């Protein structure tokens, strides 16, 4: 069942971290789908600062600013928002990541493989594909 009301677009930053062909994904409490860790920048924050803060708040990982790399931007239908709402996510990867533990609003952390991608929100699916494609291009 969809959410009704006026269109409610959202902008966020997300960490697209892949290890052993699996995407690090989080699920907020009372949600069905998983997402890339991240969130919305606060007033005055850069994209990178917002991502570092959100990842710390959600999964307790410290991201070194020097290790962040911008991958690109994805746009998709927003989950749990009124019909027609769009999420636009600026995607970053990191050279390193410590062990992730759910914190705050996050109830679960999972490593999701490409065949399991239906467990991800639409923007996170696109981000996962973009990351896998960028790795293939770097290798080839």
N, C-alpha and C. Protein backbone atom coordinates (compact mmCIF):
# COMPACT_ATOMS: atom_id res chain seq x y z
N UNK A 1 0.85 -1.17 0.00
CA UNK A 1 0.00 0.00 0.00
C UNK A 1 0.89 1.24 0.00
N UNK A 2 0.62 2.21 -0.88
CA UNK A 2 1.42 3.41 -1.00
C UNK A 2 1.00 4.48 -0.01
N UNK A 3 1.88 5.42 0.19
CA UNK A 3 1.61 6.56 1.05
C UNK A 3 0.89 7.61 0.20
N UNK A 4 -0.12 8.27 0.77
CA UNK A 4 -0.84 9.29 0.01
C UNK A 4 -0.46 10.67 0.52
N UNK A 5 -0.72 11.67 -0.29
CA UNK A 5 -0.41 13.05 0.07
C UNK A 5 0.37 13.71 -1.04
N UNK A 6 0.76 14.98 -0.83
CA UNK A 6 1.50 15.68 -1.87
C UNK A 6 2.88 15.06 -2.07
N UNK A 7 3.38 15.19 -3.29
CA UNK A 7 4.72 14.69 -3.63
C UNK A 7 5.73 15.26 -2.63
N UNK A 8 6.66 14.42 -2.21
CA UNK A 8 7.63 14.80 -1.19
C UNK A 8 9.01 14.28 -1.60
N UNK A 9 9.72 15.03 -2.47
CA UNK A 9 11.04 14.61 -2.94
C UNK A 9 12.06 14.75 -1.81
N UNK A 10 13.13 13.97 -1.91
CA UNK A 10 14.16 13.99 -0.88
C UNK A 10 15.54 13.93 -1.55
N UNK A 11 16.49 14.65 -0.96
CA UNK A 11 17.89 14.59 -1.38
C UNK A 11 18.67 13.95 -0.24
N UNK A 12 19.58 13.05 -0.58
CA UNK A 12 20.41 12.42 0.45
C UNK A 12 21.78 12.08 -0.12
N UNK A 13 22.69 11.77 0.77
CA UNK A 13 24.00 11.25 0.39
C UNK A 13 24.06 9.81 0.88
N UNK A 14 24.76 8.96 0.15
CA UNK A 14 24.82 7.56 0.54
C UNK A 14 26.20 6.97 0.35
N UNK A 15 26.53 6.04 1.25
CA UNK A 15 27.78 5.29 1.15
C UNK A 15 27.50 4.01 0.37
N UNK A 16 28.21 3.83 -0.72
CA UNK A 16 28.05 2.65 -1.57
C UNK A 16 29.32 1.83 -1.39
N UNK A 17 29.31 0.99 -0.37
CA UNK A 17 30.51 0.23 0.00
C UNK A 17 30.28 -1.24 -0.35
N UNK A 18 31.11 -1.76 -1.24
CA UNK A 18 30.99 -3.14 -1.69
C UNK A 18 32.25 -3.90 -1.29
N UNK A 19 32.05 -5.05 -0.66
CA UNK A 19 33.16 -5.95 -0.30
C UNK A 19 32.72 -7.36 -0.65
N UNK A 20 33.59 -8.11 -1.29
CA UNK A 20 33.30 -9.48 -1.70
C UNK A 20 31.98 -9.56 -2.47
N UNK A 21 31.77 -8.58 -3.36
CA UNK A 21 30.60 -8.53 -4.24
C UNK A 21 29.28 -8.33 -3.49
N UNK A 22 29.35 -7.81 -2.26
CA UNK A 22 28.14 -7.54 -1.47
C UNK A 22 28.14 -6.08 -1.04
N UNK A 23 26.94 -5.50 -1.06
CA UNK A 23 26.75 -4.10 -0.67
C UNK A 23 26.41 -4.01 0.80
N UNK A 24 27.09 -3.12 1.52
CA UNK A 24 26.73 -2.83 2.90
C UNK A 24 25.41 -2.06 2.88
N UNK A 25 24.40 -2.58 3.56
CA UNK A 25 23.08 -1.95 3.55
C UNK A 25 22.50 -1.94 4.96
N UNK A 26 21.65 -0.96 5.20
CA UNK A 26 21.01 -0.80 6.51
C UNK A 26 19.49 -0.79 6.34
N UNK A 27 18.82 -1.20 7.41
CA UNK A 27 17.36 -1.12 7.41
C UNK A 27 16.93 -0.42 8.69
N UNK A 28 16.15 0.64 8.52
CA UNK A 28 15.62 1.36 9.67
C UNK A 28 14.56 0.50 10.35
N UNK A 29 14.38 0.72 11.62
CA UNK A 29 13.34 0.01 12.35
C UNK A 29 11.98 0.25 11.67
N UNK A 30 11.15 -0.76 11.64
CA UNK A 30 9.81 -0.68 11.05
C UNK A 30 9.81 -0.42 9.55
N UNK A 31 10.86 -0.78 8.87
CA UNK A 31 10.94 -0.66 7.41
C UNK A 31 11.15 -2.04 6.82
N UNK A 32 10.79 -2.20 5.57
CA UNK A 32 10.94 -3.48 4.87
C UNK A 32 12.24 -3.51 4.08
N UNK A 33 12.52 -2.44 3.34
CA UNK A 33 13.66 -2.41 2.44
C UNK A 33 14.94 -1.94 3.13
N UNK A 34 16.06 -2.34 2.54
CA UNK A 34 17.38 -1.90 2.98
C UNK A 34 17.84 -0.75 2.09
N UNK A 35 18.78 0.04 2.60
CA UNK A 35 19.28 1.22 1.90
C UNK A 35 20.78 1.35 2.13
N UNK A 36 21.43 2.12 1.28
CA UNK A 36 22.82 2.50 1.53
C UNK A 36 22.85 3.38 2.77
N UNK A 37 23.83 3.19 3.66
CA UNK A 37 23.92 4.08 4.81
C UNK A 37 24.10 5.53 4.35
N UNK A 38 23.54 6.46 5.09
CA UNK A 38 23.64 7.87 4.74
C UNK A 38 22.40 8.61 5.15
N UNK A 39 22.21 9.80 4.60
CA UNK A 39 21.03 10.57 4.97
C UNK A 39 21.08 11.96 4.38
N UNK A 40 20.31 12.84 4.98
CA UNK A 40 20.18 14.20 4.47
C UNK A 40 21.18 15.13 5.16
N UNK A 41 21.84 15.98 4.37
CA UNK A 41 22.73 16.98 4.96
C UNK A 41 21.96 17.98 5.81
N UNK A 42 22.58 18.40 6.89
CA UNK A 42 22.03 19.47 7.71
C UNK A 42 22.47 20.80 7.11
N UNK A 43 21.76 21.89 7.42
CA UNK A 43 22.14 23.20 6.87
C UNK A 43 23.62 23.51 7.12
N UNK A 44 24.31 23.90 6.07
CA UNK A 44 25.72 24.27 6.17
C UNK A 44 26.69 23.12 6.00
N UNK A 45 26.21 21.87 5.95
CA UNK A 45 27.09 20.72 5.79
C UNK A 45 27.42 20.49 4.32
N UNK A 46 28.64 20.07 4.05
CA UNK A 46 28.99 19.59 2.73
C UNK A 46 28.45 18.17 2.59
N UNK A 47 28.43 17.68 1.37
CA UNK A 47 27.99 16.29 1.15
C UNK A 47 28.86 15.32 1.94
N UNK A 48 30.16 15.54 1.88
CA UNK A 48 31.09 14.64 2.55
C UNK A 48 30.93 14.67 4.07
N UNK A 49 30.79 15.86 4.64
CA UNK A 49 30.61 15.99 6.09
C UNK A 49 29.32 15.31 6.52
N UNK A 50 28.26 15.50 5.74
CA UNK A 50 26.97 14.86 6.05
C UNK A 50 27.11 13.34 6.02
N UNK A 51 27.81 12.81 5.01
CA UNK A 51 27.97 11.37 4.91
C UNK A 51 28.76 10.82 6.09
N UNK A 52 29.84 11.48 6.44
CA UNK A 52 30.65 11.04 7.57
C UNK A 52 29.81 11.02 8.85
N UNK A 53 29.03 12.07 9.08
CA UNK A 53 28.17 12.14 10.28
C UNK A 53 27.10 11.06 10.26
N UNK A 54 26.41 10.92 9.14
CA UNK A 54 25.32 9.95 9.05
C UNK A 54 25.81 8.51 9.23
N UNK A 55 26.94 8.18 8.61
CA UNK A 55 27.47 6.82 8.74
C UNK A 55 27.87 6.56 10.19
N UNK A 56 28.45 7.53 10.85
CA UNK A 56 28.78 7.38 12.27
C UNK A 56 27.51 7.17 13.10
N UNK A 57 26.49 7.98 12.86
CA UNK A 57 25.25 7.89 13.63
C UNK A 57 24.52 6.56 13.38
N UNK A 58 24.54 6.08 12.14
CA UNK A 58 23.77 4.89 11.78
C UNK A 58 24.46 3.58 12.10
N UNK A 59 25.78 3.51 11.85
CA UNK A 59 26.46 2.21 12.01
C UNK A 59 27.77 2.30 12.78
N UNK A 60 28.07 3.45 13.35
CA UNK A 60 29.24 3.58 14.22
C UNK A 60 30.58 3.47 13.52
N UNK A 61 30.63 3.73 12.23
CA UNK A 61 31.89 3.66 11.49
C UNK A 61 32.44 5.05 11.24
N UNK A 62 33.76 5.18 11.41
CA UNK A 62 34.44 6.43 11.10
C UNK A 62 34.93 6.36 9.66
N UNK A 63 34.46 7.29 8.84
CA UNK A 63 34.91 7.37 7.46
C UNK A 63 35.99 8.44 7.35
N UNK A 64 37.17 8.10 6.88
CA UNK A 64 38.18 9.14 6.66
C UNK A 64 37.81 9.98 5.45
N UNK A 65 37.75 11.28 5.61
CA UNK A 65 37.38 12.17 4.51
C UNK A 65 38.30 11.97 3.31
N UNK A 66 39.57 11.72 3.58
CA UNK A 66 40.53 11.54 2.48
C UNK A 66 40.27 10.26 1.69
N UNK A 67 39.51 9.32 2.25
CA UNK A 67 39.22 8.06 1.58
C UNK A 67 37.92 8.05 0.81
N UNK A 68 37.16 9.15 0.84
CA UNK A 68 35.89 9.20 0.12
C UNK A 68 36.11 9.50 -1.36
N UNK A 69 35.34 8.83 -2.20
CA UNK A 69 35.39 9.08 -3.64
C UNK A 69 33.96 9.17 -4.17
N UNK A 70 33.67 10.27 -4.88
CA UNK A 70 32.34 10.47 -5.45
C UNK A 70 32.15 9.52 -6.63
N UNK A 71 31.03 8.78 -6.63
CA UNK A 71 30.73 7.84 -7.70
C UNK A 71 29.79 8.43 -8.74
N UNK A 72 28.81 9.22 -8.29
CA UNK A 72 27.81 9.76 -9.18
C UNK A 72 26.50 9.95 -8.43
N UNK A 73 25.46 10.30 -9.16
CA UNK A 73 24.15 10.57 -8.57
C UNK A 73 23.13 9.64 -9.19
N UNK A 74 22.27 9.09 -8.36
CA UNK A 74 21.15 8.27 -8.83
C UNK A 74 19.85 8.95 -8.45
N UNK A 75 18.80 8.60 -9.17
CA UNK A 75 17.48 9.15 -8.90
C UNK A 75 16.46 8.05 -9.13
N UNK A 76 15.53 7.90 -8.19
CA UNK A 76 14.53 6.83 -8.30
C UNK A 76 13.30 7.20 -7.50
N UNK A 77 12.27 6.38 -7.65
CA UNK A 77 11.06 6.56 -6.85
C UNK A 77 11.42 6.39 -5.38
N UNK A 78 10.89 7.27 -4.54
CA UNK A 78 11.18 7.23 -3.11
C UNK A 78 10.24 6.26 -2.41
N UNK A 79 10.79 5.40 -1.59
CA UNK A 79 10.01 4.45 -0.81
C UNK A 79 9.40 5.15 0.40
N UNK A 80 8.23 4.72 0.81
CA UNK A 80 7.56 5.22 2.02
C UNK A 80 7.28 6.72 1.97
N UNK A 81 7.05 7.23 0.77
CA UNK A 81 6.67 8.63 0.56
C UNK A 81 5.50 8.66 -0.41
N UNK A 82 4.81 9.77 -0.50
CA UNK A 82 3.66 9.83 -1.42
C UNK A 82 4.04 9.47 -2.86
N UNK A 83 3.08 8.91 -3.57
CA UNK A 83 3.29 8.50 -4.96
C UNK A 83 3.88 9.64 -5.77
N UNK A 84 4.82 9.32 -6.62
CA UNK A 84 5.47 10.32 -7.48
C UNK A 84 6.67 10.98 -6.84
N UNK A 85 6.90 10.74 -5.55
CA UNK A 85 8.05 11.34 -4.87
C UNK A 85 9.34 10.69 -5.36
N UNK A 86 10.38 11.49 -5.44
CA UNK A 86 11.68 11.06 -5.97
C UNK A 86 12.75 11.23 -4.89
N UNK A 87 13.67 10.27 -4.85
CA UNK A 87 14.88 10.42 -4.04
C UNK A 87 16.04 10.61 -5.01
N UNK A 88 16.85 11.62 -4.72
CA UNK A 88 18.08 11.85 -5.47
C UNK A 88 19.22 11.64 -4.48
N UNK A 89 20.15 10.74 -4.83
CA UNK A 89 21.22 10.40 -3.90
C UNK A 89 22.58 10.59 -4.56
N UNK A 90 23.41 11.42 -3.92
CA UNK A 90 24.80 11.54 -4.32
C UNK A 90 25.54 10.39 -3.64
N UNK A 91 26.24 9.60 -4.43
CA UNK A 91 26.84 8.36 -3.97
C UNK A 91 28.35 8.48 -3.84
N UNK A 92 28.85 7.96 -2.74
CA UNK A 92 30.29 7.95 -2.46
C UNK A 92 30.70 6.55 -2.07
N UNK A 93 31.96 6.22 -2.32
CA UNK A 93 32.54 5.01 -1.80
C UNK A 93 33.70 5.43 -0.89
N UNK A 94 34.22 4.48 -0.15
CA UNK A 94 35.31 4.76 0.79
C UNK A 94 36.38 3.71 0.63
N UNK A 95 37.63 4.11 0.88
CA UNK A 95 38.74 3.17 0.78
C UNK A 95 38.78 2.21 1.95
N UNK A 96 38.13 2.57 3.07
CA UNK A 96 38.14 1.68 4.23
C UNK A 96 36.87 1.87 5.04
N UNK A 97 36.58 0.86 5.84
CA UNK A 97 35.40 0.89 6.69
C UNK A 97 35.61 -0.07 7.84
N UNK A 98 35.31 0.39 9.05
CA UNK A 98 35.41 -0.49 10.21
C UNK A 98 34.14 -1.33 10.32
N UNK A 99 34.09 -2.22 11.29
CA UNK A 99 32.92 -3.08 11.49
C UNK A 99 31.68 -2.24 11.75
N UNK A 100 30.60 -2.58 11.09
CA UNK A 100 29.35 -1.83 11.19
C UNK A 100 28.42 -2.46 12.22
N UNK A 101 27.88 -1.61 13.09
CA UNK A 101 26.93 -2.04 14.12
C UNK A 101 25.73 -1.12 14.08
N UNK A 102 24.51 -1.65 14.01
CA UNK A 102 23.33 -0.78 13.94
C UNK A 102 23.22 0.12 15.17
N UNK A 103 22.81 1.35 14.93
CA UNK A 103 22.71 2.35 16.00
C UNK A 103 21.57 3.31 15.66
N UNK A 104 21.05 4.00 16.65
CA UNK A 104 20.00 4.99 16.42
C UNK A 104 18.78 4.37 15.77
N UNK A 105 18.36 4.95 14.64
CA UNK A 105 17.15 4.48 13.96
C UNK A 105 17.36 3.19 13.17
N UNK A 106 18.61 2.73 13.06
CA UNK A 106 18.93 1.54 12.27
C UNK A 106 18.74 0.29 13.12
N UNK A 107 17.93 -0.63 12.60
CA UNK A 107 17.66 -1.87 13.30
C UNK A 107 18.50 -3.04 12.83
N UNK A 108 19.05 -2.93 11.60
CA UNK A 108 19.75 -4.07 11.04
C UNK A 108 20.76 -3.63 9.99
N UNK A 109 21.90 -4.31 9.96
CA UNK A 109 22.93 -4.14 8.94
C UNK A 109 23.07 -5.47 8.22
N UNK A 110 23.10 -5.44 6.89
CA UNK A 110 23.26 -6.65 6.09
C UNK A 110 24.23 -6.39 4.94
N UNK A 111 24.87 -7.46 4.49
CA UNK A 111 25.68 -7.41 3.27
C UNK A 111 24.84 -8.10 2.20
N UNK A 112 24.42 -7.36 1.19
CA UNK A 112 23.47 -7.85 0.19
C UNK A 112 24.16 -8.06 -1.15
N UNK A 113 23.95 -9.25 -1.71
CA UNK A 113 24.55 -9.58 -3.01
C UNK A 113 23.67 -9.06 -4.14
N UNK A 114 24.25 -9.03 -5.35
CA UNK A 114 23.49 -8.55 -6.51
C UNK A 114 22.22 -9.38 -6.73
N UNK A 115 22.27 -10.72 -6.64
CA UNK A 115 21.02 -11.48 -6.82
C UNK A 115 19.94 -11.16 -5.76
N UNK A 116 20.35 -10.59 -4.62
CA UNK A 116 19.40 -10.24 -3.56
C UNK A 116 18.95 -8.78 -3.63
N UNK A 117 19.27 -8.08 -4.71
CA UNK A 117 19.05 -6.64 -4.79
C UNK A 117 17.60 -6.20 -4.63
N UNK A 118 16.64 -7.09 -4.81
CA UNK A 118 15.23 -6.73 -4.62
C UNK A 118 14.95 -6.34 -3.17
N UNK A 119 15.85 -6.66 -2.27
CA UNK A 119 15.71 -6.28 -0.85
C UNK A 119 16.08 -4.82 -0.62
N UNK A 120 16.61 -4.16 -1.66
CA UNK A 120 17.06 -2.76 -1.57
C UNK A 120 16.02 -1.81 -2.14
N UNK A 121 16.01 -0.57 -1.61
CA UNK A 121 15.23 0.49 -2.22
C UNK A 121 15.76 0.75 -3.62
N UNK A 122 14.93 1.37 -4.46
CA UNK A 122 15.28 1.57 -5.88
C UNK A 122 16.57 2.36 -6.06
N UNK A 123 16.76 3.44 -5.32
CA UNK A 123 17.98 4.25 -5.47
C UNK A 123 19.21 3.46 -5.04
N UNK A 124 19.08 2.65 -4.00
CA UNK A 124 20.21 1.84 -3.54
C UNK A 124 20.54 0.74 -4.55
N UNK A 125 19.52 0.20 -5.22
CA UNK A 125 19.78 -0.76 -6.30
C UNK A 125 20.59 -0.10 -7.41
N UNK A 126 20.19 1.11 -7.80
CA UNK A 126 20.93 1.83 -8.85
C UNK A 126 22.35 2.13 -8.41
N UNK A 127 22.52 2.52 -7.15
CA UNK A 127 23.85 2.83 -6.64
C UNK A 127 24.74 1.59 -6.63
N UNK A 128 24.18 0.45 -6.24
CA UNK A 128 24.92 -0.82 -6.24
C UNK A 128 25.39 -1.14 -7.66
N UNK A 129 24.49 -1.02 -8.63
CA UNK A 129 24.84 -1.29 -10.02
C UNK A 129 25.94 -0.33 -10.49
N UNK A 130 25.83 0.94 -10.13
CA UNK A 130 26.83 1.94 -10.53
C UNK A 130 28.20 1.57 -9.95
N UNK A 131 28.23 1.12 -8.70
CA UNK A 131 29.50 0.75 -8.08
C UNK A 131 30.10 -0.49 -8.73
N UNK A 132 29.28 -1.48 -9.01
CA UNK A 132 29.80 -2.68 -9.66
C UNK A 132 30.33 -2.35 -11.05
N UNK A 133 29.62 -1.50 -11.77
CA UNK A 133 30.06 -1.09 -13.10
C UNK A 133 31.39 -0.32 -13.03
N UNK A 134 31.54 0.57 -12.03
CA UNK A 134 32.78 1.33 -11.91
C UNK A 134 33.96 0.42 -11.58
N UNK A 135 33.71 -0.61 -10.81
CA UNK A 135 34.78 -1.58 -10.50
C UNK A 135 35.18 -2.35 -11.75
N UNK A 136 34.18 -2.74 -12.56
CA UNK A 136 34.47 -3.45 -13.80
C UNK A 136 35.28 -2.59 -14.75
N UNK A 137 34.94 -1.30 -14.84
CA UNK A 137 35.66 -0.39 -15.72
C UNK A 137 37.10 -0.19 -15.26
N UNK A 138 37.31 -0.13 -13.94
CA UNK A 138 38.66 0.04 -13.40
C UNK A 138 39.50 -1.21 -13.66
N UNK A 139 38.87 -2.39 -13.59
CA UNK A 139 39.59 -3.64 -13.79
C UNK A 139 39.91 -3.87 -15.27
N UNK A 140 39.05 -3.36 -16.15
CA UNK A 140 39.20 -3.64 -17.58
C UNK A 140 39.89 -2.59 -18.28
